[in-house]
C-alpha atoms as a PDB file:
ATOM      1  CA  MET A   1     101.472 109.375  99.270  1.00  0.00           C
ATOM      2  CA  LYS A   2     103.533 111.937 100.757  1.00  0.00           C
ATOM      3  CA  LYS A   3     105.793 113.695  98.475  1.00  0.00           C
ATOM      4  CA  ILE A   4     107.278 115.354  98.064  1.00  0.00           C
ATOM      5  CA  LEU A   5     109.928 117.677 100.014  1.00  0.00           C
ATOM      6  CA  LEU A   6     110.389 116.021  97.825  1.00  0.00           C
ATOM      7  CA  SER A   7     110.756 118.134  95.755  1.00  0.00           C
ATOM      8  CA  LEU A   8     113.687 120.528  96.078  1.00  0.00           C
ATOM      9  CA  PHE A   9     114.706 118.179  93.041  1.00  0.00           C
ATOM     10  CA  ALA A  10     112.540 120.479  91.110  1.00  0.00           C
ATOM     11  CA  LEU A  11     115.790 122.435  91.101  1.00  0.00           C
ATOM     12  CA  ALA A  12     116.879 119.975  88.458  1.00  0.00           C
ATOM     13  CA  THR A  13     114.439 120.377  86.012  1.00  0.00           C
ATOM     14  CA  PHE A  14     112.746 123.836  86.935  1.00  0.00           C
ATOM     15  CA  ALA A  15     115.979 125.692  87.305  1.00  0.00           C
ATOM     16  CA  THR A  16     115.791 127.852  84.095  1.00  0.00           C
ATOM     17  CA  ALA A  17     112.536 129.427  85.167  1.00  0.00           C
ATOM     18  CA  SER A  18     111.566 131.463  88.349  1.00  0.00           C
ATOM     19  CA  ALA A  19     108.469 129.322  88.753  1.00  0.00           C
ATOM     20  CA  GLN A  20     107.120 125.952  87.593  1.00  0.00           C
ATOM     21  CA  PHE A  21     104.083 123.821  88.234  1.00  0.00           C
ATOM     22  CA  ASN A  22     103.183 120.306  87.314  1.00  0.00           C
ATOM     23  CA  LEU A  23     100.297 117.798  87.938  1.00  0.00           C
ATOM     24  CA  GLN A  24     100.788 114.058  88.504  1.00  0.00           C
ATOM     25  CA  VAL A  25      98.237 111.130  88.424  1.00  0.00           C
ATOM     26  CA  HIS A  26      99.381 107.895  90.200  1.00  0.00           C
ATOM     27  CA  TYR A  27      97.413 104.594  90.184  1.00  0.00           C
ATOM     28  CA  ASP A  28      98.606 102.692  93.207  1.00  0.00           C
ATOM     29  CA  LEU A  29      99.423  98.995  93.011  1.00  0.00           C
ATOM     30  CA  GLY A  30     100.252  98.535  96.842  1.00  0.00           C
ATOM     31  CA  SER A  31      96.980  97.042  97.995  1.00  0.00           C
ATOM     32  CA  ASN A  32      97.362  94.440  95.395  1.00  0.00           C
ATOM     33  CA  ILE A  33     100.832  93.521  96.280  1.00  0.00           C
ATOM     34  CA  ASN A  34     100.530  93.923  99.922  1.00  0.00           C
ATOM     35  CA  SER A  35      97.644  92.033 101.052  1.00  0.00           C
ATOM     36  CA  ASP A  36      98.069  92.987 104.649  1.00  0.00           C
ATOM     37  CA  SER A  37      98.259  96.605 103.923  1.00  0.00           C
ATOM     38  CA  GLU A  38      95.345  99.010 104.620  1.00  0.00           C
ATOM     39  CA  ALA A  39      92.265  97.142 103.422  1.00  0.00           C
ATOM     40  CA  ASP A  40      90.872 100.549 102.004  1.00  0.00           C
ATOM     41  CA  ARG A  41      94.336 102.079 100.534  1.00  0.00           C
ATOM     42  CA  GLN A  42      93.479 104.465  97.772  1.00  0.00           C
ATOM     43  CA  ALA A  43      93.895 103.259  94.185  1.00  0.00           C
ATOM     44  CA  VAL A  44      94.542 106.731  92.808  1.00  0.00           C
ATOM     45  CA  THR A  45      96.350 109.932  94.064  1.00  0.00           C
ATOM     46  CA  THR A  46      96.553 113.273  92.123  1.00  0.00           C
ATOM     47  CA  THR A  47      99.370 115.643  93.002  1.00  0.00           C
ATOM     48  CA  ALA A  48      99.987 119.364  92.262  1.00  0.00           C
ATOM     49  CA  GLU A  49     103.626 120.567  92.763  1.00  0.00           C
ATOM     50  CA  PHE A  50     104.695 124.218  92.734  1.00  0.00           C
ATOM     51  CA  PHE A  51     108.246 125.739  92.941  1.00  0.00           C
ATOM     52  CA  ASN A  52     109.513 129.138  92.662  1.00  0.00           C
ATOM     53  CA  ALA A  53     113.035 130.589  92.920  1.00  0.00           C
ATOM     54  CA  ASP A  54     113.588 134.260  93.809  1.00  0.00           C
ATOM     55  CA  ASN A  55     116.497 136.392  95.165  1.00  0.00           C
ATOM     56  CA  LEU A  56     116.351 135.367  98.823  1.00  0.00           C
ATOM     57  CA  GLY A  57     115.722 131.539  98.091  1.00  0.00           C
ATOM     58  CA  SER A  58     113.047 129.482  97.152  1.00  0.00           C
ATOM     59  CA  THR A  59     109.517 128.318  97.951  1.00  0.00           C
ATOM     60  CA  PHE A  60     107.951 124.745  97.535  1.00  0.00           C
ATOM     61  CA  LEU A  61     104.632 123.509  97.988  1.00  0.00           C
ATOM     62  CA  PHE A  62     102.424 120.431  97.158  1.00  0.00           C
ATOM     63  CA  ILE A  63      99.185 118.772  97.739  1.00  0.00           C
ATOM     64  CA  ASP A  64      98.131 115.136  97.374  1.00  0.00           C
ATOM     65  CA  LEU A  65      94.493 114.205  96.902  1.00  0.00           C
ATOM     66  CA  ASP A  66      93.488 110.695  97.541  1.00  0.00           C
ATOM     67  CA  TYR A  67      90.339 108.946  95.920  1.00  0.00           C
ATOM     68  CA  ARG A  68      88.079 106.428  97.118  1.00  0.00           C
ATOM     69  CA  LYS A  69      87.918 103.224  95.649  1.00  0.00           C
ATOM     70  CA  SER A  70      84.412 102.107  95.253  1.00  0.00           C
ATOM     71  CA  THR A  71      82.147 100.412  92.613  1.00  0.00           C
ATOM     72  CA  ASP A  72      79.443 102.659  93.680  1.00  0.00           C
ATOM     73  CA  THR A  73      79.330 105.955  91.490  1.00  0.00           C
ATOM     74  CA  TRP A  74      77.838 108.014  94.077  1.00  0.00           C
ATOM     75  CA  ASN A  75      80.382 106.849  96.665  1.00  0.00           C
ATOM     76  CA  ARG A  76      83.521 108.056  94.874  1.00  0.00           C
ATOM     77  CA  GLY A  77      85.896 111.309  95.236  1.00  0.00           C
ATOM     78  CA  VAL A  78      88.292 112.703  97.359  1.00  0.00           C
ATOM     79  CA  ILE A  79      88.643 111.027 100.553  1.00  0.00           C
ATOM     80  CA  GLY A  80      92.091 112.605 101.870  1.00  0.00           C
ATOM     81  CA  ALA A  81      94.239 115.376 101.429  1.00  0.00           C
ATOM     82  CA  TYR A  82      97.995 116.051 102.482  1.00  0.00           C
ATOM     83  CA  TRP A  83      99.824 119.196 101.886  1.00  0.00           C
ATOM     84  CA  GLU A  84     103.368 120.629 102.745  1.00  0.00           C
ATOM     85  CA  ILE A  85     104.787 124.152 102.247  1.00  0.00           C
ATOM     86  CA  GLY A  86     108.520 124.921 102.653  1.00  0.00           C
ATOM     87  CA  ARG A  87     110.274 128.021 102.517  1.00  0.00           C
ATOM     88  CA  ASP A  88     114.194 128.303 102.085  1.00  0.00           C
ATOM     89  CA  PHE A  89     116.418 131.257 102.756  1.00  0.00           C
ATOM     90  CA  THR A  90     119.709 131.458 101.095  1.00  0.00           C
ATOM     91  CA  PHE A  91     122.492 132.746 103.711  1.00  0.00           C
ATOM     92  CA  ALA A  92     125.751 131.377 102.213  1.00  0.00           C
ATOM     93  CA  LYS A  93     127.200 130.503  99.006  1.00  0.00           C
ATOM     94  CA  VAL A  94     130.601 128.634  98.711  1.00  0.00           C
ATOM     95  CA  LYS A  95     132.713 130.710  96.205  1.00  0.00           C
ATOM     96  CA  ASP A  96     133.411 129.246  92.723  1.00  0.00           C
ATOM     97  CA  SER A  97     131.094 126.202  93.347  1.00  0.00           C
ATOM     98  CA  ASN A  98     127.466 125.453  93.296  1.00  0.00           C
ATOM     99  CA  HIS A  99     127.154 124.453  97.106  1.00  0.00           C
ATOM    100  CA  SER A 100     124.780 126.725  99.045  1.00  0.00           C
ATOM    101  CA  PHE A 101     123.560 126.842 102.568  1.00  0.00           C
ATOM    102  CA  THR A 102     119.958 127.708 103.374  1.00  0.00           C
ATOM    103  CA  ALA A 103     117.540 127.976 106.389  1.00  0.00           C
ATOM    104  CA  HIS A 104     114.491 125.720 105.885  1.00  0.00           C
ATOM    105  CA  MET A 105     111.150 126.178 107.408  1.00  0.00           C
ATOM    106  CA  GLU A 106     108.097 123.778 106.613  1.00  0.00           C
ATOM    107  CA  TYR A 107     104.593 123.161 107.507  1.00  0.00           C
ATOM    108  CA  ASP A 108     102.993 119.535 106.954  1.00  0.00           C
ATOM    109  CA  GLY A 109      99.227 118.851 107.494  1.00  0.00           C
ATOM    110  CA  GLY A 110      96.221 117.087 106.028  1.00  0.00           C
ATOM    111  CA  LEU A 111      92.950 115.480 106.644  1.00  0.00           C
ATOM    112  CA  ASN A 112      90.912 112.497 105.609  1.00  0.00           C
ATOM    113  CA  GLN A 113      87.348 111.128 106.325  1.00  0.00           C
ATOM    114  CA  SER A 114      88.415 110.092 109.808  1.00  0.00           C
ATOM    115  CA  GLY A 115      89.663 113.645 110.709  1.00  0.00           C
ATOM    116  CA  PRO A 116      92.900 115.717 110.357  1.00  0.00           C
ATOM    117  CA  PHE A 117      96.380 114.270 110.390  1.00  0.00           C
ATOM    118  CA  GLN A 118      98.795 115.398 112.945  1.00  0.00           C
ATOM    119  CA  GLN A 119     100.304 118.660 111.813  1.00  0.00           C
ATOM    120  CA  ALA A 120     103.878 119.425 112.120  1.00  0.00           C
ATOM    121  CA  LEU A 121     106.223 122.365 111.894  1.00  0.00           C
ATOM    122  CA  LEU A 122     109.900 122.027 110.841  1.00  0.00           C
ATOM    123  CA  VAL A 123     112.866 124.348 110.991  1.00  0.00           C
ATOM    124  CA  GLY A 124     116.733 123.733 110.446  1.00  0.00           C
ATOM    125  CA  PRO A 125     119.710 124.203 107.911  1.00  0.00           C
ATOM    126  CA  ALA A 126     119.870 122.681 104.474  1.00  0.00           C
ATOM    127  CA  TRP A 127     122.824 122.075 102.266  1.00  0.00           C
ATOM    128  CA  GLN A 128     122.321 122.166  98.344  1.00  0.00           C
ATOM    129  CA  TRP A 129     124.244 121.404  95.388  1.00  0.00           C
ATOM    130  CA  HIS A 130     123.835 121.358  91.741  1.00  0.00           C
ATOM    131  CA  SER A 131     125.730 120.700  88.548  1.00  0.00           C
ATOM    132  CA  ASN A 132     126.526 123.647  86.033  1.00  0.00           C
ATOM    133  CA  ASP A 133     123.317 122.617  83.735  1.00  0.00           C
ATOM    134  CA  PHE A 134     121.142 121.593  86.724  1.00  0.00           C
ATOM    135  CA  SER A 135     120.923 118.098  85.397  1.00  0.00           C
ATOM    136  CA  LYS A 136     122.099 116.706  88.825  1.00  0.00           C
ATOM    137  CA  THR A 137     121.039 118.147  92.147  1.00  0.00           C
ATOM    138  CA  TRP A 138     120.913 117.134  95.854  1.00  0.00           C
ATOM    139  CA  THR A 139     119.675 118.582  98.955  1.00  0.00           C
ATOM    140  CA  LEU A 140     120.406 117.322 102.744  1.00  0.00           C
ATOM    141  CA  GLN A 141     118.470 118.867 105.602  1.00  0.00           C
ATOM    142  CA  ALA A 142     118.553 118.440 109.311  1.00  0.00           C
ATOM    143  CA  LEU A 143     115.368 119.731 110.962  1.00  0.00           C
ATOM    144  CA  TYR A 144     113.855 120.290 114.263  1.00  0.00           C
ATOM    145  CA  LYS A 145     110.219 118.936 114.150  1.00  0.00           C
ATOM    146  CA  GLN A 146     107.390 119.931 116.363  1.00  0.00           C
ATOM    147  CA  PHE A 147     104.468 117.936 116.259  1.00  0.00           C
ATOM    148  CA  LEU A 148     101.170 119.479 117.304  1.00  0.00           C
ATOM    149  CA  LYS A 149      98.358 117.785 119.169  1.00  0.00           C
ATOM    150  CA  GLY A 150      96.559 115.494 116.723  1.00  0.00           C
ATOM    151  CA  ALA A 151      93.308 113.557 116.381  1.00  0.00           C
ATOM    152  CA  ASP A 152      92.701 110.471 118.099  1.00  0.00           C
ATOM    153  CA  SER A 153      94.198 107.326 116.555  1.00  0.00           C
ATOM    154  CA  PRO A 154      93.142 103.737 116.890  1.00  0.00           C
ATOM    155  CA  PHE A 155      95.546 103.274 119.561  1.00  0.00           C
ATOM    156  CA  GLY A 156      94.864 106.640 121.402  1.00  0.00           C
ATOM    157  CA  ALA A 157      95.451 110.494 121.048  1.00  0.00           C
ATOM    158  CA  LEU A 158      98.479 111.852 119.237  1.00  0.00           C
ATOM    159  CA  ASP A 159      99.973 114.228 121.862  1.00  0.00           C
ATOM    160  CA  ALA A 160     101.955 117.136 120.733  1.00  0.00           C
ATOM    161  CA  MET A 161     105.848 116.229 121.042  1.00  0.00           C
ATOM    162  CA  PRO A 162     109.191 117.505 119.738  1.00  0.00           C
ATOM    163  CA  GLY A 163     111.207 115.224 117.220  1.00  0.00           C
ATOM    164  CA  PHE A 164     113.677 115.537 114.603  1.00  0.00           C
ATOM    165  CA  GLN A 165     113.941 114.850 110.901  1.00  0.00           C
ATOM    166  CA  LEU A 166     116.507 114.140 108.279  1.00  0.00           C
ATOM    167  CA  THR A 167     115.721 114.533 104.824  1.00  0.00           C
ATOM    168  CA  GLY A 168     117.744 113.793 101.568  1.00  0.00           C
ATOM    169  CA  VAL A 169     116.487 114.776  97.915  1.00  0.00           C
ATOM    170  CA  TRP A 170     118.052 114.190  94.773  1.00  0.00           C
ATOM    171  CA  GLY A 171     117.338 114.737  91.117  1.00  0.00           C
ATOM    172  CA  LEU A 172     119.403 113.237  88.091  1.00  0.00           C
ATOM    173  CA  THR A 173     118.163 113.997  84.418  1.00  0.00           C
ATOM    174  CA  PHE A 174     120.240 111.743  81.823  1.00  0.00           C
ATOM    175  CA  ALA A 175     119.924 109.992  78.514  1.00  0.00           C
ATOM    176  CA  GLN A 176     119.855 113.345  76.724  1.00  0.00           C
ATOM    177  CA  GLY A 177     116.895 114.460  78.678  1.00  0.00           C
ATOM    178  CA  TRP A 178     114.764 111.339  78.010  1.00  0.00           C
ATOM    179  CA  CYS A 179     114.990 110.106  81.733  1.00  0.00           C
ATOM    180  CA  THR A 180     114.852 111.696  85.232  1.00  0.00           C
ATOM    181  CA  PHE A 181     115.469 109.743  88.567  1.00  0.00           C
ATOM    182  CA  SER A 182     114.288 111.680  91.583  1.00  0.00           C
ATOM    183  CA  GLY A 183     112.876 111.391  94.863  1.00  0.00           C
ATOM    184  CA  PHE A 184     113.426 112.079  98.698  1.00  0.00           C
ATOM    185  CA  ALA A 185     114.068 110.195 101.737  1.00  0.00           C
ATOM    186  CA  ASP A 186     112.905 110.813 105.302  1.00  0.00           C
ATOM    187  CA  LEU A 187     113.984 109.649 108.683  1.00  0.00           C
ATOM    188  CA  TRP A 188     112.025 111.090 111.509  1.00  0.00           C
ATOM    189  CA  TYR A 189     111.343 110.761 115.215  1.00  0.00           C
ATOM    190  CA  GLY A 190     107.721 110.482 115.993  1.00  0.00           C
ATOM    191  CA  HIS A 191     104.546 108.558 116.723  1.00  0.00           C
ATOM    192  CA  LYS A 192     104.930 104.851 114.982  1.00  0.00           C
ATOM    193  CA  ALA A 193     101.962 103.571 113.098  1.00  0.00           C
ATOM    194  CA  ASN A 194      99.994 101.093 115.028  1.00  0.00           C
ATOM    195  CA  ASP A 195     100.804 101.134 118.399  1.00  0.00           C
ATOM    196  CA  ASN A 196     101.265 105.012 119.231  1.00  0.00           C
ATOM    197  CA  GLN A 197     104.547 104.455 120.467  1.00  0.00           C
ATOM    198  CA  LYS A 198     107.325 106.997 119.663  1.00  0.00           C
ATOM    199  CA  GLY A 199     110.062 105.811 117.519  1.00  0.00           C
ATOM    200  CA  LEU A 200     112.011 106.306 114.165  1.00  0.00           C
ATOM    201  CA  VAL A 201     109.914 106.420 111.034  1.00  0.00           C
ATOM    202  CA  PHE A 202     111.471 105.854 107.584  1.00  0.00           C
ATOM    203  CA  LEU A 203     109.801 106.964 104.257  1.00  0.00           C
ATOM    204  CA  THR A 204     111.438 107.190 100.805  1.00  0.00           C
ATOM    205  CA  GLU A 205     109.519 107.736  97.277  1.00  0.00           C
ATOM    206  CA  PRO A 206     112.044 107.454  94.545  1.00  0.00           C
ATOM    207  CA  GLN A 207     110.401 108.478  91.012  1.00  0.00           C
ATOM    208  CA  PHE A 208     111.514 107.322  87.547  1.00  0.00           C
ATOM    209  CA  TRP A 209     110.298 109.477  84.748  1.00  0.00           C
ATOM    210  CA  VAL A 210     110.531 108.636  80.805  1.00  0.00           C
ATOM    211  CA  ASN A 211     110.251 112.455  79.317  1.00  0.00           C
ATOM    212  CA  VAL A 212     108.230 111.736  76.314  1.00  0.00           C
ATOM    213  CA  ALA A 213     107.364 115.102  74.958  1.00  0.00           C
ATOM    214  CA  ASN A 214     109.383 118.396  74.899  1.00  0.00           C
ATOM    215  CA  ARG A 215     112.175 116.391  76.908  1.00  0.00           C
ATOM    216  CA  ASN A 216     114.582 119.411  76.176  1.00  0.00           C
ATOM    217  CA  SER A 217     112.451 122.092  77.326  1.00  0.00           C
ATOM    218  CA  ALA A 218     111.711 123.028  81.076  1.00  0.00           C
ATOM    219  CA  ASN A 219     108.100 123.685  80.142  1.00  0.00           C
ATOM    220  CA  GLN A 220     105.474 121.604  79.050  1.00  0.00           C
ATOM    221  CA  LYS A 221     106.906 118.402  79.538  1.00  0.00           C
ATOM    222  CA  LEU A 222     104.926 115.114  79.469  1.00  0.00           C
ATOM    223  CA  SER A 223     106.407 112.219  81.411  1.00  0.00           C
ATOM    224  CA  ILE A 224     105.411 108.719  82.250  1.00  0.00           C
ATOM    225  CA  GLY A 225     106.888 106.608  84.906  1.00  0.00           C
ATOM    226  CA  THR A 226     106.569 105.167  88.529  1.00  0.00           C
ATOM    227  CA  GLU A 227     106.976 105.966  91.860  1.00  0.00           C
ATOM    228  CA  MET A 228     108.152 103.415  94.493  1.00  0.00           C
ATOM    229  CA  GLU A 229     107.198 104.089  98.271  1.00  0.00           C
ATOM    230  CA  LEU A 230     109.059 102.171 100.647  1.00  0.00           C
ATOM    231  CA  SER A 231     108.584 102.787 104.226  1.00  0.00           C
ATOM    232  CA  ASN A 232     109.040 101.376 107.811  1.00  0.00           C
ATOM    233  CA  ASN A 233     106.483 102.197 110.830  1.00  0.00           C
ATOM    234  CA  PHE A 234     104.556 104.466 108.542  1.00  0.00           C
ATOM    235  CA  ILE A 235     101.586 102.756 107.326  1.00  0.00           C
ATOM    236  CA  TRP A 236      98.725 101.318 109.385  1.00  0.00           C
ATOM    237  CA  ARG A 237      98.219  97.692 109.024  1.00  0.00           C
ATOM    238  CA  THR A 238      95.024  95.650 109.373  1.00  0.00           C
ATOM    239  CA  LYS A 239      96.713  92.412 110.565  1.00  0.00           C
ATOM    240  CA  GLY A 240     100.021  91.025 111.462  1.00  0.00           C
ATOM    241  CA  THR A 241     103.055  92.692 112.553  1.00  0.00           C
ATOM    242  CA  LYS A 242     104.756  93.694 109.496  1.00  0.00           C
ATOM    243  CA  THR A 243     106.176  97.475 109.567  1.00  0.00           C
ATOM    244  CA  PHE A 244     107.982  97.552 106.320  1.00  0.00           C
ATOM    245  CA  PHE A 245     105.834  98.048 103.012  1.00  0.00           C
ATOM    246  CA  PHE A 246     106.722  98.385  99.394  1.00  0.00           C
ATOM    247  CA  ASN A 247     103.915 100.337  97.363  1.00  0.00           C
ATOM    248  CA  PRO A 248     104.709 101.231  93.689  1.00  0.00           C
ATOM    249  CA  THR A 249     102.480 103.174  91.443  1.00  0.00           C
ATOM    250  CA  LEU A 250     102.041 103.715  87.703  1.00  0.00           C
ATOM    251  CA  ALA A 251     101.989 107.346  86.823  1.00  0.00           C
ATOM    252  CA  VAL A 252     101.837 110.399  84.411  1.00  0.00           C
ATOM    253  CA  LYS A 253     103.145 113.826  84.863  1.00  0.00           C
ATOM    254  CA  TYR A 254     102.612 117.236  82.953  1.00  0.00           C
ATOM    255  CA  THR A 255     104.857 120.026  83.666  1.00  0.00           C
ATOM    256  CA  PHE A 256     103.610 123.598  82.733  1.00  0.00           C
END
């Protein structure tokens, strides 16, 4: 479950403090809905997100931990981890508006029981906007993406290659703070799942949260909701030729 970048949307709820941290637990319904998805798709993923704003820009990082689905108590536990860390340096602000331009740098990586994921380095400009009360935000990024040499896949080695990535991130808090709609959408050029050919890969993970406790506070907020992962050429399939998948989750989040 990839997140995050997700999360410059953190600007929407975290802008009133210099640093914020949240924990999420997601129960994945995808393998029950998509019979031709990964046979061993994880049932539970936990996510830790951190966002910090300073005088030069902002730093964001997250880590996803996937847990093995097994009836054997001794065979349970973490089977994979994925993380991203990004840094934005603000270099221009539009006078009398809430628009700003930043230089974005990012590292993506992780591993599972089969070995390390293909790592990537990204760099490029970003355009950000927020409403006066930060209840609405969006970010657009146009990034150069350098894939590093990866471990062997079922279809051969993943070679180092240049690519690009377009990212949109949004956040919307409404209904007097009761509800938050946020998420990201990525379109990149890289290795497609299942055939090791190069092409376009799409992934988006919109989230909807009901803020059930301390909803008017930026801190200590309990939320329940869902994440809806939609992707094309991203998920390894076990049969058929399907490339587009929809994998929803049930989730709870606590913001410290």
